[in-house]
């Protein structure tokens, strides 16, 4: 029996790996996983939060702001994303 993750499971895995890569200082790889996460699950704010964090690590503040804003559009009450945007 082969495990086939659902899109939701795959998005969670990608977001978590993106976080780990961020902690390792590997911004480009973290961004790649965050982008994949938002493609798999485009209505999940956490993917955009991870994307913004990866872009911040790469010092691309304009694109990071856009990613955080996209996340806030999906969840306007998300304090973590709002704080990151500030």
N, C-alpha and C. Protein backbone atom coordinates (compact mmCIF):
# COMPACT_ATOMS: atom_id res chain seq x y z
N UNK A 1 0.84 -1.17 0.00
CA UNK A 1 0.00 0.00 0.00
C UNK A 1 0.89 1.25 0.00
N UNK A 2 0.66 2.12 -0.93
CA UNK A 2 1.46 3.35 -1.06
C UNK A 2 0.68 4.53 -0.47
N UNK A 3 1.38 5.35 0.28
CA UNK A 3 0.76 6.53 0.86
C UNK A 3 0.71 7.65 -0.17
N UNK A 4 -0.46 8.15 -0.42
CA UNK A 4 -0.66 9.29 -1.33
C UNK A 4 -1.24 10.43 -0.50
N UNK A 5 -0.44 11.44 -0.21
CA UNK A 5 -0.97 12.54 0.61
C UNK A 5 -2.04 13.32 -0.14
N UNK A 6 -3.03 13.77 0.61
CA UNK A 6 -4.05 14.65 0.03
C UNK A 6 -3.42 16.02 -0.20
N UNK A 7 -4.06 16.87 -1.00
CA UNK A 7 -3.51 18.23 -1.18
C UNK A 7 -3.34 18.97 0.16
N UNK A 8 -4.28 18.74 1.07
CA UNK A 8 -4.17 19.39 2.38
C UNK A 8 -2.93 18.90 3.12
N UNK A 9 -2.73 17.56 3.12
CA UNK A 9 -1.55 17.00 3.78
C UNK A 9 -0.26 17.47 3.13
N UNK A 10 -0.24 17.52 1.82
CA UNK A 10 0.95 17.96 1.10
C UNK A 10 1.26 19.41 1.43
N UNK A 11 0.24 20.26 1.51
CA UNK A 11 0.45 21.67 1.85
C UNK A 11 1.05 21.80 3.25
N UNK A 12 0.55 21.00 4.18
CA UNK A 12 1.09 21.04 5.55
C UNK A 12 2.55 20.62 5.55
N UNK A 13 2.87 19.56 4.84
CA UNK A 13 4.26 19.10 4.76
C UNK A 13 5.16 20.17 4.15
N UNK A 14 4.70 20.80 3.08
CA UNK A 14 5.50 21.84 2.43
C UNK A 14 5.69 23.05 3.34
N UNK A 15 4.64 23.46 4.04
CA UNK A 15 4.74 24.61 4.95
C UNK A 15 5.71 24.30 6.09
N UNK A 16 5.63 23.09 6.62
CA UNK A 16 6.53 22.72 7.71
C UNK A 16 7.98 22.63 7.25
N UNK A 17 8.19 22.07 6.06
CA UNK A 17 9.56 22.01 5.55
C UNK A 17 10.08 23.41 5.24
N UNK A 18 9.21 24.27 4.72
CA UNK A 18 9.61 25.65 4.47
C UNK A 18 10.08 26.31 5.76
N UNK A 19 9.34 26.07 6.84
CA UNK A 19 9.73 26.61 8.15
C UNK A 19 11.10 26.10 8.58
N UNK A 20 11.32 24.81 8.42
CA UNK A 20 12.63 24.23 8.79
C UNK A 20 13.75 24.84 7.96
N UNK A 21 13.50 25.01 6.68
CA UNK A 21 14.51 25.60 5.80
C UNK A 21 14.78 27.06 6.17
N UNK A 22 13.74 27.77 6.59
CA UNK A 22 13.92 29.15 7.07
C UNK A 22 14.86 29.16 8.27
N UNK A 23 14.63 28.25 9.19
CA UNK A 23 15.45 28.19 10.40
C UNK A 23 16.91 27.86 10.07
N UNK A 24 17.12 27.15 8.97
CA UNK A 24 18.47 26.82 8.53
C UNK A 24 19.11 27.94 7.71
N UNK A 25 18.33 29.01 7.45
CA UNK A 25 18.85 30.12 6.67
C UNK A 25 18.85 29.87 5.17
N UNK A 26 18.09 28.91 4.73
CA UNK A 26 18.04 28.55 3.31
C UNK A 26 16.80 29.17 2.67
N UNK A 27 16.84 30.49 2.49
CA UNK A 27 15.70 31.25 2.01
C UNK A 27 15.18 30.83 0.65
N UNK A 28 16.07 30.55 -0.27
CA UNK A 28 15.65 30.16 -1.62
C UNK A 28 14.86 28.85 -1.59
N UNK A 29 15.35 27.88 -0.83
CA UNK A 29 14.66 26.60 -0.72
C UNK A 29 13.34 26.75 0.04
N UNK A 30 13.35 27.58 1.07
CA UNK A 30 12.13 27.83 1.84
C UNK A 30 11.07 28.48 0.96
N UNK A 31 11.50 29.39 0.11
CA UNK A 31 10.56 30.05 -0.81
C UNK A 31 9.99 29.06 -1.82
N UNK A 32 10.83 28.17 -2.30
CA UNK A 32 10.37 27.15 -3.24
C UNK A 32 9.25 26.30 -2.63
N UNK A 33 9.44 25.87 -1.39
CA UNK A 33 8.41 25.08 -0.72
C UNK A 33 7.16 25.91 -0.42
N UNK A 34 7.35 27.16 -0.04
CA UNK A 34 6.20 28.03 0.24
C UNK A 34 5.40 28.27 -1.04
N UNK A 35 6.08 28.49 -2.15
CA UNK A 35 5.38 28.66 -3.43
C UNK A 35 4.59 27.40 -3.79
N UNK A 36 5.21 26.25 -3.61
CA UNK A 36 4.52 24.99 -3.89
C UNK A 36 3.31 24.83 -2.97
N UNK A 37 3.46 25.22 -1.73
CA UNK A 37 2.37 25.14 -0.77
C UNK A 37 1.18 25.99 -1.22
N UNK A 38 1.45 27.21 -1.66
CA UNK A 38 0.36 28.08 -2.09
C UNK A 38 -0.28 27.60 -3.40
N UNK A 39 0.46 26.86 -4.19
CA UNK A 39 -0.12 26.29 -5.41
C UNK A 39 -1.05 25.12 -5.08
N UNK A 40 -0.62 24.31 -4.13
CA UNK A 40 -1.40 23.13 -3.75
C UNK A 40 -2.66 23.54 -2.97
N UNK A 41 -2.51 24.53 -2.12
CA UNK A 41 -3.63 24.96 -1.26
C UNK A 41 -3.69 26.50 -1.25
N UNK A 42 -4.22 27.08 -2.33
CA UNK A 42 -4.17 28.54 -2.50
C UNK A 42 -5.03 29.35 -1.52
N UNK A 43 -5.93 28.72 -0.81
CA UNK A 43 -6.79 29.47 0.12
C UNK A 43 -6.35 29.30 1.58
N UNK A 44 -5.11 28.85 1.79
CA UNK A 44 -4.59 28.64 3.14
C UNK A 44 -3.60 29.74 3.48
N UNK A 45 -3.91 30.59 4.45
CA UNK A 45 -3.05 31.73 4.78
C UNK A 45 -1.62 31.36 5.19
N UNK A 46 -1.44 30.21 5.82
CA UNK A 46 -0.10 29.85 6.31
C UNK A 46 0.92 29.76 5.18
N UNK A 47 0.49 29.33 4.01
CA UNK A 47 1.42 29.25 2.88
C UNK A 47 1.97 30.62 2.51
N UNK A 48 1.09 31.62 2.57
CA UNK A 48 1.52 32.99 2.26
C UNK A 48 2.39 33.57 3.37
N UNK A 49 2.13 33.16 4.60
CA UNK A 49 2.97 33.58 5.72
C UNK A 49 4.38 33.03 5.54
N UNK A 50 4.48 31.75 5.18
CA UNK A 50 5.79 31.14 4.95
C UNK A 50 6.49 31.81 3.76
N UNK A 51 5.72 32.11 2.73
CA UNK A 51 6.29 32.77 1.55
C UNK A 51 6.86 34.14 1.94
N UNK A 52 6.08 34.90 2.69
CA UNK A 52 6.55 36.21 3.14
C UNK A 52 7.79 36.12 3.99
N UNK A 53 7.83 35.14 4.88
CA UNK A 53 9.00 34.96 5.75
C UNK A 53 10.24 34.61 4.93
N UNK A 54 10.07 33.75 3.92
CA UNK A 54 11.20 33.37 3.07
C UNK A 54 11.70 34.59 2.28
N UNK A 55 10.79 35.40 1.81
CA UNK A 55 11.18 36.60 1.07
C UNK A 55 11.85 37.62 1.98
N UNK A 56 11.42 37.70 3.23
CA UNK A 56 12.08 38.58 4.20
C UNK A 56 13.52 38.14 4.41
N UNK A 57 13.72 36.84 4.53
CA UNK A 57 15.07 36.31 4.72
C UNK A 57 15.97 36.68 3.54
N UNK A 58 15.38 36.74 2.36
CA UNK A 58 16.13 37.10 1.16
C UNK A 58 16.19 38.62 0.96
N UNK A 59 15.61 39.36 1.89
CA UNK A 59 15.59 40.82 1.87
C UNK A 59 14.83 41.38 0.67
N UNK A 60 13.82 40.66 0.21
CA UNK A 60 12.93 41.14 -0.85
C UNK A 60 11.65 41.62 -0.17
N UNK A 61 11.74 42.79 0.43
CA UNK A 61 10.69 43.28 1.31
C UNK A 61 9.40 43.61 0.57
N UNK A 62 9.50 44.08 -0.67
CA UNK A 62 8.30 44.41 -1.43
C UNK A 62 7.47 43.15 -1.70
N UNK A 63 8.12 42.10 -2.17
CA UNK A 63 7.40 40.86 -2.44
C UNK A 63 6.93 40.20 -1.14
N UNK A 64 7.71 40.35 -0.09
CA UNK A 64 7.30 39.81 1.21
C UNK A 64 6.01 40.47 1.67
N UNK A 65 5.94 41.79 1.53
CA UNK A 65 4.72 42.52 1.90
C UNK A 65 3.53 42.04 1.10
N UNK A 66 3.74 41.81 -0.19
CA UNK A 66 2.65 41.31 -1.04
C UNK A 66 2.17 39.94 -0.57
N UNK A 67 3.11 39.07 -0.21
CA UNK A 67 2.73 37.73 0.27
C UNK A 67 1.94 37.84 1.58
N UNK A 68 2.41 38.66 2.50
CA UNK A 68 1.69 38.84 3.76
C UNK A 68 0.30 39.43 3.51
N UNK A 69 0.19 40.39 2.60
CA UNK A 69 -1.11 40.97 2.27
C UNK A 69 -2.04 39.92 1.69
N UNK A 70 -1.52 39.04 0.84
CA UNK A 70 -2.33 37.96 0.28
C UNK A 70 -2.85 37.06 1.40
N UNK A 71 -2.02 36.78 2.37
CA UNK A 71 -2.44 35.96 3.50
C UNK A 71 -3.51 36.65 4.34
N UNK A 72 -3.36 37.96 4.53
CA UNK A 72 -4.35 38.70 5.31
C UNK A 72 -5.69 38.81 4.58
N UNK A 73 -5.66 38.81 3.27
CA UNK A 73 -6.93 38.82 2.52
C UNK A 73 -7.72 37.54 2.82
N UNK A 74 -7.01 36.44 3.01
CA UNK A 74 -7.66 35.17 3.31
C UNK A 74 -8.09 35.07 4.76
N UNK A 75 -7.34 35.69 5.66
CA UNK A 75 -7.65 35.65 7.09
C UNK A 75 -7.30 36.99 7.72
N UNK A 76 -8.23 37.95 7.63
CA UNK A 76 -7.95 39.31 8.13
C UNK A 76 -7.67 39.39 9.63
N UNK A 77 -8.01 38.36 10.38
CA UNK A 77 -7.80 38.40 11.84
C UNK A 77 -6.51 37.69 12.26
N UNK A 78 -5.69 37.26 11.33
CA UNK A 78 -4.48 36.51 11.65
C UNK A 78 -3.41 37.47 12.19
N UNK A 79 -3.20 37.40 13.50
CA UNK A 79 -2.27 38.33 14.16
C UNK A 79 -0.83 38.10 13.73
N UNK A 80 -0.44 36.84 13.50
CA UNK A 80 0.94 36.55 13.09
C UNK A 80 1.27 37.22 11.76
N UNK A 81 0.35 37.09 10.81
CA UNK A 81 0.59 37.71 9.50
C UNK A 81 0.56 39.23 9.60
N UNK A 82 -0.38 39.76 10.36
CA UNK A 82 -0.47 41.22 10.55
C UNK A 82 0.81 41.76 11.17
N UNK A 83 1.34 41.08 12.17
CA UNK A 83 2.58 41.51 12.81
C UNK A 83 3.76 41.43 11.85
N UNK A 84 3.80 40.39 11.04
CA UNK A 84 4.89 40.24 10.07
C UNK A 84 4.83 41.36 9.03
N UNK A 85 3.64 41.76 8.67
CA UNK A 85 3.48 42.83 7.67
C UNK A 85 3.97 44.16 8.22
N UNK A 86 3.81 44.39 9.49
CA UNK A 86 4.28 45.64 10.11
C UNK A 86 5.79 45.68 10.09
